[in-house]
Amino acid sequence: MLLNERDTDEGLLVSVCDPEDLGETYENGSVSLTVEPDFYDGEEASAEEVVDSLKRCTTANLVGEETVGLAVDHGFVDEENVLELDGTRHAQLLWM
């Protein structure tokens, strides 16, 4: 998984994607998602590193079967809140 962390005025912003999704565009009806390298490209990360990052973040954007599956398996995202796009999955996380 590719992990990118950014400190913002609102807290830690995390973006994670499966490497094969980087640069791709996915659609489902009126929803379109481009996995922009400027936003999603980051360091290769293990499952443990991604989970640690999700524990510390304020906001996260997640793309890919492995990435979203990890977030669901660890209770960060509810399965019913996952968007199924043509060829991948997407979820967002916001701690309030």
PDB file of N, CA and C in Angstrom:
ATOM      1  N   MET A   1       0.841  -1.169   0.000  1.00  0.00           N
ATOM      2  CA  MET A   1       0.000   0.000   0.000  1.00  0.00           C
ATOM      3  C   MET A   1       0.891   1.238   0.000  1.00  0.00           C
ATOM      4  N   LEU A   2       0.397   2.301  -0.620  1.00  0.00           N
ATOM      5  CA  LEU A   2       1.106   3.572  -0.647  1.00  0.00           C
ATOM      6  C   LEU A   2       0.477   4.499   0.386  1.00  0.00           C
ATOM      7  N   LEU A   3       1.283   4.998   1.296  1.00  0.00           N
ATOM      8  CA  LEU A   3       0.821   5.820   2.413  1.00  0.00           C
ATOM      9  C   LEU A   3       1.410   7.212   2.307  1.00  0.00           C
ATOM     10  N   ASN A   4       0.538   8.219   2.408  1.00  0.00           N
ATOM     11  CA  ASN A   4       0.961   9.605   2.381  1.00  0.00           C
ATOM     12  C   ASN A   4       0.332  10.305   3.576  1.00  0.00           C
ATOM     13  N   GLU A   5       1.149  10.940   4.405  1.00  0.00           N
ATOM     14  CA  GLU A   5       0.669  11.690   5.570  1.00  0.00           C
ATOM     15  C   GLU A   5       1.015  13.157   5.383  1.00  0.00           C
ATOM     16  N   ARG A   6       0.043  14.032   5.716  1.00  0.00           N
ATOM     17  CA  ARG A   6       0.252  15.474   5.650  1.00  0.00           C
ATOM     18  C   ARG A   6      -0.297  16.112   6.916  1.00  0.00           C
ATOM     19  N   ASP A   7       0.488  16.966   7.532  1.00  0.00           N
ATOM     20  CA  ASP A   7      -0.014  17.745   8.663  1.00  0.00           C
ATOM     21  C   ASP A   7      -0.733  18.965   8.112  1.00  0.00           C
ATOM     22  N   THR A   8      -1.966  19.180   8.577  1.00  0.00           N
ATOM     23  CA  THR A   8      -2.755  20.336   8.166  1.00  0.00           C
ATOM     24  C   THR A   8      -3.191  21.099   9.411  1.00  0.00           C
ATOM     25  N   ASP A   9      -3.789  22.263   9.220  1.00  0.00           N
ATOM     26  CA  ASP A   9      -4.308  23.035  10.349  1.00  0.00           C
ATOM     27  C   ASP A   9      -5.400  22.271  11.088  1.00  0.00           C
ATOM     28  N   GLU A  10      -6.089  21.364  10.399  1.00  0.00           N
ATOM     29  CA  GLU A  10      -7.175  20.582  10.987  1.00  0.00           C
ATOM     30  C   GLU A  10      -6.702  19.264  11.585  1.00  0.00           C
ATOM     31  N   GLY A  11      -5.438  18.898  11.399  1.00  0.00           N
ATOM     32  CA  GLY A  11      -4.918  17.640  11.918  1.00  0.00           C
ATOM     33  C   GLY A  11      -4.233  16.845  10.826  1.00  0.00           C
ATOM     34  N   LEU A  12      -3.971  15.590  11.111  1.00  0.00           N
ATOM     35  CA  LEU A  12      -3.248  14.720  10.183  1.00  0.00           C
ATOM     36  C   LEU A  12      -4.182  14.205   9.089  1.00  0.00           C
ATOM     37  N   LEU A  13      -3.821  14.475   7.843  1.00  0.00           N
ATOM     38  CA  LEU A  13      -4.553  13.994   6.668  1.00  0.00           C
ATOM     39  C   LEU A  13      -3.765  12.826   6.089  1.00  0.00           C
ATOM     40  N   VAL A  14      -4.432  11.685   5.946  1.00  0.00           N
ATOM     41  CA  VAL A  14      -3.797  10.474   5.450  1.00  0.00           C
ATOM     42  C   VAL A  14      -4.478  10.035   4.157  1.00  0.00           C
ATOM     43  N   SER A  15      -3.665   9.686   3.172  1.00  0.00           N
ATOM     44  CA  SER A  15      -4.200   9.067   1.958  1.00  0.00           C
ATOM     45  C   SER A  15      -3.449   7.758   1.757  1.00  0.00           C
ATOM     46  N   VAL A  16      -4.218   6.710   1.440  1.00  0.00           N
ATOM     47  CA  VAL A  16      -3.652   5.377   1.238  1.00  0.00           C
ATOM     48  C   VAL A  16      -4.318   4.769   0.009  1.00  0.00           C
ATOM     49  N   CYS A  17      -3.507   4.139  -0.836  1.00  0.00           N
ATOM     50  CA  CYS A  17      -4.089   3.429  -1.977  1.00  0.00           C
ATOM     51  C   CYS A  17      -3.268   2.185  -2.284  1.00  0.00           C
ATOM     52  N   ASP A  18      -3.908   1.252  -2.963  1.00  0.00           N
ATOM     53  CA  ASP A  18      -3.202   0.103  -3.506  1.00  0.00           C
ATOM     54  C   ASP A  18      -2.342   0.621  -4.666  1.00  0.00           C
ATOM     55  N   PRO A  19      -1.101   0.163  -4.801  1.00  0.00           N
ATOM     56  CA  PRO A  19      -0.208   0.687  -5.849  1.00  0.00           C
ATOM     57  C   PRO A  19      -0.781   0.603  -7.260  1.00  0.00           C
ATOM     58  N   GLU A  20      -1.513  -0.462  -7.558  1.00  0.00           N
ATOM     59  CA  GLU A  20      -2.052  -0.617  -8.920  1.00  0.00           C
ATOM     60  C   GLU A  20      -3.168   0.375  -9.229  1.00  0.00           C
ATOM     61  N   ASP A  21      -3.706   1.051  -8.224  1.00  0.00           N
ATOM     62  CA  ASP A  21      -4.777   2.027  -8.448  1.00  0.00           C
ATOM     63  C   ASP A  21      -4.247   3.429  -8.727  1.00  0.00           C
ATOM     64  N   LEU A  22      -2.991   3.684  -8.415  1.00  0.00           N
ATOM     65  CA  LEU A  22      -2.409   5.008  -8.583  1.00  0.00           C
ATOM     66  C   LEU A  22      -2.489   5.456 -10.034  1.00  0.00           C
ATOM     67  N   GLY A  23      -3.053   6.630 -10.270  1.00  0.00           N
ATOM     68  CA  GLY A  23      -3.180   7.192 -11.611  1.00  0.00           C
ATOM     69  C   GLY A  23      -4.404   6.741 -12.380  1.00  0.00           C
ATOM     70  N   GLU A  24      -5.168   5.817 -11.830  1.00  0.00           N
ATOM     71  CA  GLU A  24      -6.361   5.292 -12.514  1.00  0.00           C
ATOM     72  C   GLU A  24      -7.596   6.156 -12.211  1.00  0.00           C
ATOM     73  N   THR A  25      -8.587   6.063 -13.077  1.00  0.00           N
ATOM     74  CA  THR A  25      -9.877   6.715 -12.872  1.00  0.00           C
ATOM     75  C   THR A  25     -10.944   5.639 -12.841  1.00  0.00           C
ATOM     76  N   TYR A  26     -11.822   5.728 -11.842  1.00  0.00           N
ATOM     77  CA  TYR A  26     -12.897   4.749 -11.649  1.00  0.00           C
ATOM     78  C   TYR A  26     -14.225   5.488 -11.606  1.00  0.00           C
ATOM     79  N   GLU A  27     -15.272   4.829 -12.129  1.00  0.00           N
ATOM     80  CA  GLU A  27     -16.587   5.450 -12.174  1.00  0.00           C
ATOM     81  C   GLU A  27     -17.666   4.475 -11.743  1.00  0.00           C
ATOM     82  N   ASN A  28     -18.753   5.041 -11.273  1.00  0.00           N
ATOM     83  CA  ASN A  28     -19.964   4.293 -10.951  1.00  0.00           C
ATOM     84  C   ASN A  28     -21.116   5.278 -11.072  1.00  0.00           C
ATOM     85  N   GLY A  29     -21.785   5.254 -12.215  1.00  0.00           N
ATOM     86  CA  GLY A  29     -22.859   6.216 -12.445  1.00  0.00           C
ATOM     87  C   GLY A  29     -22.312   7.629 -12.484  1.00  0.00           C
ATOM     88  N   SER A  30     -22.821   8.491 -11.620  1.00  0.00           N
ATOM     89  CA  SER A  30     -22.396   9.894 -11.607  1.00  0.00           C
ATOM     90  C   SER A  30     -21.138  10.125 -10.768  1.00  0.00           C
ATOM     91  N   VAL A  31     -20.647   9.085 -10.104  1.00  0.00           N
ATOM     92  CA  VAL A  31     -19.460   9.206  -9.259  1.00  0.00           C
ATOM     93  C   VAL A  31     -18.212   8.857 -10.064  1.00  0.00           C
ATOM     94  N   SER A  32     -17.220   9.733 -10.001  1.00  0.00           N
ATOM     95  CA  SER A  32     -15.952   9.496 -10.675  1.00  0.00           C
ATOM     96  C   SER A  32     -14.828   9.804  -9.691  1.00  0.00           C
ATOM     97  N   LEU A  33     -13.824   8.928  -9.651  1.00  0.00           N
ATOM     98  CA  LEU A  33     -12.684   9.100  -8.757  1.00  0.00           C
ATOM     99  C   LEU A  33     -11.404   8.862  -9.533  1.00  0.00           C
ATOM    100  N   THR A  34     -10.537   9.859  -9.550  1.00  0.00           N
ATOM    101  CA  THR A  34      -9.206   9.706 -10.117  1.00  0.00           C
ATOM    102  C   THR A  34      -8.222   9.638  -8.965  1.00  0.00           C
ATOM    103  N   VAL A  35      -7.423   8.603  -8.949  1.00  0.00           N
ATOM    104  CA  VAL A  35      -6.445   8.386  -7.883  1.00  0.00           C
ATOM    105  C   VAL A  35      -5.186   9.170  -8.267  1.00  0.00           C
ATOM    106  N   GLU A  36      -5.224  10.459  -7.952  1.00  0.00           N
ATOM    107  CA  GLU A  36      -4.190  11.403  -8.352  1.00  0.00           C
ATOM    108  C   GLU A  36      -2.858  11.106  -7.659  1.00  0.00           C
ATOM    109  N   PRO A  37      -1.792  10.955  -8.433  1.00  0.00           N
ATOM    110  CA  PRO A  37      -0.479  10.732  -7.818  1.00  0.00           C
ATOM    111  C   PRO A  37      -0.056  11.844  -6.864  1.00  0.00           C
ATOM    112  N   ASP A  38      -0.395  13.096  -7.163  1.00  0.00           N
ATOM    113  CA  ASP A  38      -0.026  14.205  -6.282  1.00  0.00           C
ATOM    114  C   ASP A  38      -0.636  14.050  -4.889  1.00  0.00           C
ATOM    115  N   PHE A  39      -1.768  13.380  -4.787  1.00  0.00           N
ATOM    116  CA  PHE A  39      -2.455  13.225  -3.509  1.00  0.00           C
ATOM    117  C   PHE A  39      -2.184  11.872  -2.863  1.00  0.00           C
ATOM    118  N   TYR A  40      -2.194  10.818  -3.651  1.00  0.00           N
ATOM    119  CA  TYR A  40      -2.118   9.454  -3.107  1.00  0.00           C
ATOM    120  C   TYR A  40      -0.725   8.830  -3.096  1.00  0.00           C
ATOM    121  N   ASP A  41       0.187   9.293  -3.952  1.00  0.00           N
ATOM    122  CA  ASP A  41       1.492   8.637  -4.012  1.00  0.00           C
ATOM    123  C   ASP A  41       2.257   8.889  -2.716  1.00  0.00           C
ATOM    124  N   GLY A  42       2.844   7.825  -2.190  1.00  0.00           N
ATOM    125  CA  GLY A  42       3.586   7.939  -0.942  1.00  0.00           C
ATOM    126  C   GLY A  42       4.542   6.785  -0.783  1.00  0.00           C
ATOM    127  N   GLU A  43       4.934   6.564   0.439  1.00  0.00           N
ATOM    128  CA  GLU A  43       5.870   5.490   0.755  1.00  0.00           C
ATOM    129  C   GLU A  43       5.148   4.148   0.799  1.00  0.00           C
ATOM    130  N   GLU A  44       5.835   3.091   0.351  1.00  0.00           N
ATOM    131  CA  GLU A  44       5.309   1.731   0.529  1.00  0.00           C
ATOM    132  C   GLU A  44       5.150   1.499   2.023  1.00  0.00           C
ATOM    133  N   ALA A  45       4.003   0.977   2.438  1.00  0.00           N
ATOM    134  CA  ALA A  45       3.742   0.782   3.861  1.00  0.00           C
ATOM    135  C   ALA A  45       3.142  -0.596   4.109  1.00  0.00           C
ATOM    136  N   SER A  46       3.486  -1.141   5.253  1.00  0.00           N
ATOM    137  CA  SER A  46       2.915  -2.420   5.684  1.00  0.00           C
ATOM    138  C   SER A  46       1.524  -2.190   6.252  1.00  0.00           C
ATOM    139  N   ALA A  47       0.796  -3.266   6.461  1.00  0.00           N
ATOM    140  CA  ALA A  47      -0.526  -3.175   7.077  1.00  0.00           C
ATOM    141  C   ALA A  47      -0.424  -2.520   8.453  1.00  0.00           C
ATOM    142  N   GLU A  48       0.583  -2.873   9.223  1.00  0.00           N
ATOM    143  CA  GLU A  48       0.759  -2.311  10.566  1.00  0.00           C
ATOM    144  C   GLU A  48       0.992  -0.805  10.510  1.00  0.00           C
ATOM    145  N   GLU A  49       1.780  -0.353   9.548  1.00  0.00           N
ATOM    146  CA  GLU A  49       2.052   1.082   9.405  1.00  0.00           C
ATOM    147  C   GLU A  49       0.791   1.844   9.006  1.00  0.00           C
ATOM    148  N   VAL A  50      -0.007   1.255   8.121  1.00  0.00           N
ATOM    149  CA  VAL A  50      -1.258   1.903   7.714  1.00  0.00           C
ATOM    150  C   VAL A  50      -2.218   1.979   8.891  1.00  0.00           C
ATOM    151  N   VAL A  51      -2.367   0.913   9.646  1.00  0.00           N
ATOM    152  CA  VAL A  51      -3.255   0.913  10.810  1.00  0.00           C
ATOM    153  C   VAL A  51      -2.804   1.969  11.817  1.00  0.00           C
ATOM    154  N   ASP A  52      -1.509   2.057  12.076  1.00  0.00           N
ATOM    155  CA  ASP A  52      -0.983   3.068  12.992  1.00  0.00           C
ATOM    156  C   ASP A  52      -1.325   4.474  12.506  1.00  0.00           C
ATOM    157  N   SER A  53      -1.175   4.716  11.224  1.00  0.00           N
ATOM    158  CA  SER A  53      -1.486   6.018  10.646  1.00  0.00           C
ATOM    159  C   SER A  53      -2.975   6.338  10.778  1.00  0.00           C
ATOM    160  N   LEU A  54      -3.836   5.352  10.531  1.00  0.00           N
ATOM    161  CA  LEU A  54      -5.283   5.566  10.650  1.00  0.00           C
ATOM    162  C   LEU A  54      -5.689   5.839  12.097  1.00  0.00           C
ATOM    163  N   LYS A  55      -4.973   5.274  13.041  1.00  0.00           N
ATOM    164  CA  LYS A  55      -5.254   5.548  14.465  1.00  0.00           C
ATOM    165  C   LYS A  55      -4.939   7.000  14.824  1.00  0.00           C
ATOM    166  N   ARG A  56      -3.957   7.594  14.149  1.00  0.00           N
ATOM    167  CA  ARG A  56      -3.499   8.936  14.483  1.00  0.00           C
ATOM    168  C   ARG A  56      -4.120  10.039  13.643  1.00  0.00           C
ATOM    169  N   CYS A  57      -4.786   9.691  12.550  1.00  0.00           N
ATOM    170  CA  CYS A  57      -5.265  10.711  11.611  1.00  0.00           C
ATOM    171  C   CYS A  57      -6.546  11.396  12.079  1.00  0.00           C
ATOM    172  N   THR A  58      -6.808  12.525  11.470  1.00  0.00           N
ATOM    173  CA  THR A  58      -8.069  13.231  11.613  1.00  0.00           C
ATOM    174  C   THR A  58      -8.986  12.884  10.438  1.00  0.00           C
ATOM    175  N   THR A  59      -8.372  12.794   9.259  1.00  0.00           N
ATOM    176  CA  THR A  59      -9.098  12.498   8.020  1.00  0.00           C
ATOM    177  C   THR A  59      -8.275  11.521   7.190  1.00  0.00           C
ATOM    178  N   ALA A  60      -8.968  10.595   6.517  1.00  0.00           N
ATOM    179  CA  ALA A  60      -8.267   9.664   5.632  1.00  0.00           C
ATOM    180  C   ALA A  60      -9.087   9.429   4.366  1.00  0.00           C
ATOM    181  N   ASN A  61      -8.376   9.278   3.260  1.00  0.00           N
ATOM    182  CA  ASN A  61      -8.957   8.904   1.974  1.00  0.00           C
ATOM    183  C   ASN A  61      -8.313   7.590   1.574  1.00  0.00           C
ATOM    184  N   LEU A  62      -9.138   6.599   1.275  1.00  0.00           N
ATOM    185  CA  LEU A  62      -8.674   5.237   1.063  1.00  0.00           C
ATOM    186  C   LEU A  62      -9.176   4.702  -0.266  1.00  0.00           C
ATOM    187  N   VAL A  63      -8.276   4.097  -1.053  1.00  0.00           N
ATOM    188  CA  VAL A  63      -8.656   3.536  -2.349  1.00  0.00           C
ATOM    189  C   VAL A  63      -7.989   2.176  -2.520  1.00  0.00           C
ATOM    190  N   GLY A  64      -8.773   1.203  -2.970  1.00  0.00           N
ATOM    191  CA  GLY A  64      -8.242  -0.102  -3.318  1.00  0.00           C
ATOM    192  C   GLY A  64      -8.829  -1.214  -2.478  1.00  0.00           C
ATOM    193  N   GLU A  65      -8.818  -2.398  -3.059  1.00  0.00           N
ATOM    194  CA  GLU A  65      -9.361  -3.574  -2.377  1.00  0.00           C
ATOM    195  C   GLU A  65      -8.616  -3.851  -1.073  1.00  0.00           C
ATOM    196  N   GLU A  66      -7.288  -3.901  -1.124  1.00  0.00           N
ATOM    197  CA  GLU A  66      -6.500  -4.208   0.063  1.00  0.00           C
ATOM    198  C   GLU A  66      -6.606  -3.098   1.100  1.00  0.00           C
ATOM    199  N   THR A  67      -6.459  -1.862   0.660  1.00  0.00           N
ATOM    200  CA  THR A  67      -6.483  -0.713   1.572  1.00  0.00           C
ATOM    201  C   THR A  67      -7.818  -0.602   2.282  1.00  0.00           C
ATOM    202  N   VAL A  68      -8.899  -0.591   1.534  1.00  0.00           N
ATOM    203  CA  VAL A  68     -10.229  -0.450   2.143  1.00  0.00           C
ATOM    204  C   VAL A  68     -10.549  -1.678   2.981  1.00  0.00           C
ATOM    205  N   GLY A  69     -10.190  -2.864   2.512  1.00  0.00           N
ATOM    206  CA  GLY A  69     -10.412  -4.080   3.289  1.00  0.00           C
ATOM    207  C   GLY A  69      -9.722  -4.027   4.644  1.00  0.00           C
ATOM    208  N   LEU A  70      -8.500  -3.506   4.679  1.00  0.00           N
ATOM    209  CA  LEU A  70      -7.763  -3.352   5.933  1.00  0.00           C
ATOM    210  C   LEU A  70      -8.500  -2.406   6.881  1.00  0.00           C
ATOM    211  N   ALA A  71      -8.971  -1.284   6.354  1.00  0.00           N
ATOM    212  CA  ALA A  71      -9.701  -0.310   7.177  1.00  0.00           C
ATOM    213  C   ALA A  71     -11.001  -0.907   7.726  1.00  0.00           C
ATOM    214  N   VAL A  72     -11.686  -1.690   6.926  1.00  0.00           N
ATOM    215  CA  VAL A  72     -12.917  -2.354   7.374  1.00  0.00           C
ATOM    216  C   VAL A  72     -12.583  -3.398   8.436  1.00  0.00           C
ATOM    217  N   ASP A  73     -11.585  -4.227   8.168  1.00  0.00           N
ATOM    218  CA  ASP A  73     -11.210  -5.298   9.097  1.00  0.00           C
ATOM    219  C   ASP A  73     -10.802  -4.770  10.470  1.00  0.00           C
ATOM    220  N   HIS A  74     -10.227  -3.570  10.516  1.00  0.00           N
ATOM    221  CA  HIS A  74      -9.782  -2.990  11.787  1.00  0.00           C
ATOM    222  C   HIS A  74     -10.793  -2.015  12.394  1.00  0.00           C
ATOM    223  N   GLY A  75     -11.986  -1.940  11.805  1.00  0.00           N
ATOM    224  CA  GLY A  75     -13.059  -1.149  12.395  1.00  0.00           C
ATOM    225  C   GLY A  75     -12.996   0.349  12.158  1.00  0.00           C
ATOM    226  N   PHE A  76     -12.170   0.795  11.233  1.00  0.00           N
ATOM    227  CA  PHE A  76     -12.102   2.221  10.922  1.00  0.00           C
ATOM    228  C   PHE A  76     -13.247   2.663  10.013  1.00  0.00           C
ATOM    229  N   VAL A  77     -13.725   1.746   9.180  1.00  0.00           N
ATOM    230  CA  VAL A  77     -14.772   2.034   8.197  1.00  0.00           C
ATOM    231  C   VAL A  77     -15.809   0.918   8.259  1.00  0.00           C
ATOM    232  N   ASP A  78     -17.088   1.292   8.228  1.00  0.00           N
ATOM    233  CA  ASP A  78     -18.158   0.301   8.147  1.00  0.00           C
ATOM    234  C   ASP A  78     -18.343  -0.110   6.694  1.00  0.00           C
ATOM    235  N   GLU A  79     -18.496  -1.403   6.467  1.00  0.00           N
ATOM    236  CA  GLU A  79     -18.638  -1.935   5.102  1.00  0.00           C
ATOM    237  C   GLU A  79     -19.751  -1.234   4.323  1.00  0.00           C
ATOM    238  N   GLU A  80     -20.847  -0.893   4.984  1.00  0.00           N
ATOM    239  CA  GLU A  80     -21.969  -0.258   4.272  1.00  0.00           C
ATOM    240  C   GLU A  80     -21.648   1.164   3.810  1.00  0.00           C
ATOM    241  N   ASN A  81     -20.529   1.735   4.265  1.00  0.00           N
ATOM    242  CA  ASN A  81     -20.122   3.076   3.846  1.00  0.00           C
ATOM    243  C   ASN A  81     -19.061   3.073   2.757  1.00  0.00           C
ATOM    244  N   VAL A  82     -18.734   1.897   2.239  1.00  0.00           N
ATOM    245  CA  VAL A  82     -17.722   1.764   1.194  1.00  0.00           C
ATOM    246  C   VAL A  82     -18.371   1.944  -0.171  1.00  0.00           C
ATOM    247  N   LEU A  83     -17.764   2.781  -1.003  1.00  0.00           N
ATOM    248  CA  LEU A  83     -18.240   2.955  -2.378  1.00  0.00           C
ATOM    249  C   LEU A  83     -17.596   1.900  -3.263  1.00  0.00           C
ATOM    250  N   GLU A  84     -18.417   1.205  -4.017  1.00  0.00           N
ATOM    251  CA  GLU A  84     -17.942   0.238  -5.006  1.00  0.00           C
ATOM    252  C   GLU A  84     -17.887   0.961  -6.341  1.00  0.00           C
ATOM    253  N   LEU A  85     -16.686   1.149  -6.842  1.00  0.00           N
ATOM    254  CA  LEU A  85     -16.516   1.793  -8.131  1.00  0.00           C
ATOM    255  C   LEU A  85     -16.122   0.730  -9.148  1.00  0.00           C
ATOM    256  N   ASP A  86     -16.126   1.078 -10.394  1.00  0.00           N
ATOM    257  CA  ASP A  86     -15.809   0.132 -11.459  1.00  0.00           C
ATOM    258  C   ASP A  86     -14.357  -0.322 -11.355  1.00  0.00           C
ATOM    259  N   GLY A  87     -14.117  -1.388 -10.599  1.00  0.00           N
ATOM    260  CA  GLY A  87     -12.777  -1.941 -10.511  1.00  0.00           C
ATOM    261  C   GLY A  87     -12.061  -1.726  -9.199  1.00  0.00           C
ATOM    262  N   THR A  88     -12.622  -0.953  -8.288  1.00  0.00           N
ATOM    263  CA  THR A  88     -11.964  -0.744  -6.995  1.00  0.00           C
ATOM    264  C   THR A  88     -12.981  -0.314  -5.948  1.00  0.00           C
ATOM    265  N   ARG A  89     -12.490  -0.024  -4.758  1.00  0.00           N
ATOM    266  CA  ARG A  89     -13.337   0.428  -3.647  1.00  0.00           C
ATOM    267  C   ARG A  89     -12.745   1.728  -3.093  1.00  0.00           C
ATOM    268  N   HIS A  90     -13.626   2.564  -2.506  1.00  0.00           N
ATOM    269  CA  HIS A  90     -13.196   3.850  -1.964  1.00  0.00           C
ATOM    270  C   HIS A  90     -13.947   4.109  -0.661  1.00  0.00           C
ATOM    271  N   ALA A  91     -13.220   4.675   0.297  1.00  0.00           N
ATOM    272  CA  ALA A  91     -13.846   5.072   1.561  1.00  0.00           C
ATOM    273  C   ALA A  91     -13.123   6.297   2.091  1.00  0.00           C
ATOM    274  N   GLN A  92     -13.854   7.060   2.891  1.00  0.00           N
ATOM    275  CA  GLN A  92     -13.278   8.217   3.571  1.00  0.00           C
ATOM    276  C   GLN A  92     -13.529   8.052   5.060  1.00  0.00           C
ATOM    277  N   LEU A  93     -12.626   8.613   5.833  1.00  0.00           N
ATOM    278  CA  LEU A  93     -12.701   8.519   7.283  1.00  0.00           C
ATOM    279  C   LEU A  93     -12.529   9.918   7.852  1.00  0.00           C
ATOM    280  N   LEU A  94     -13.396  10.292   8.774  1.00  0.00           N
ATOM    281  CA  LEU A  94     -13.311  11.599   9.423  1.00  0.00           C
ATOM    282  C   LEU A  94     -13.602  11.413  10.902  1.00  0.00           C
ATOM    283  N   TRP A  95     -12.616  11.705  11.743  1.00  0.00           N
ATOM    284  CA  TRP A  95     -12.818  11.655  13.194  1.00  0.00           C
ATOM    285  C   TRP A  95     -13.266  13.039  13.646  1.00  0.00           C
ATOM    286  N   MET A  96     -14.315  13.086  14.430  1.00  0.00           N
ATOM    287  CA  MET A  96     -14.820  14.373  14.920  1.00  0.00           C
ATOM    288  C   MET A  96     -14.720  14.449  16.412  1.00  0.00           C
TER     289      MET A  96
END
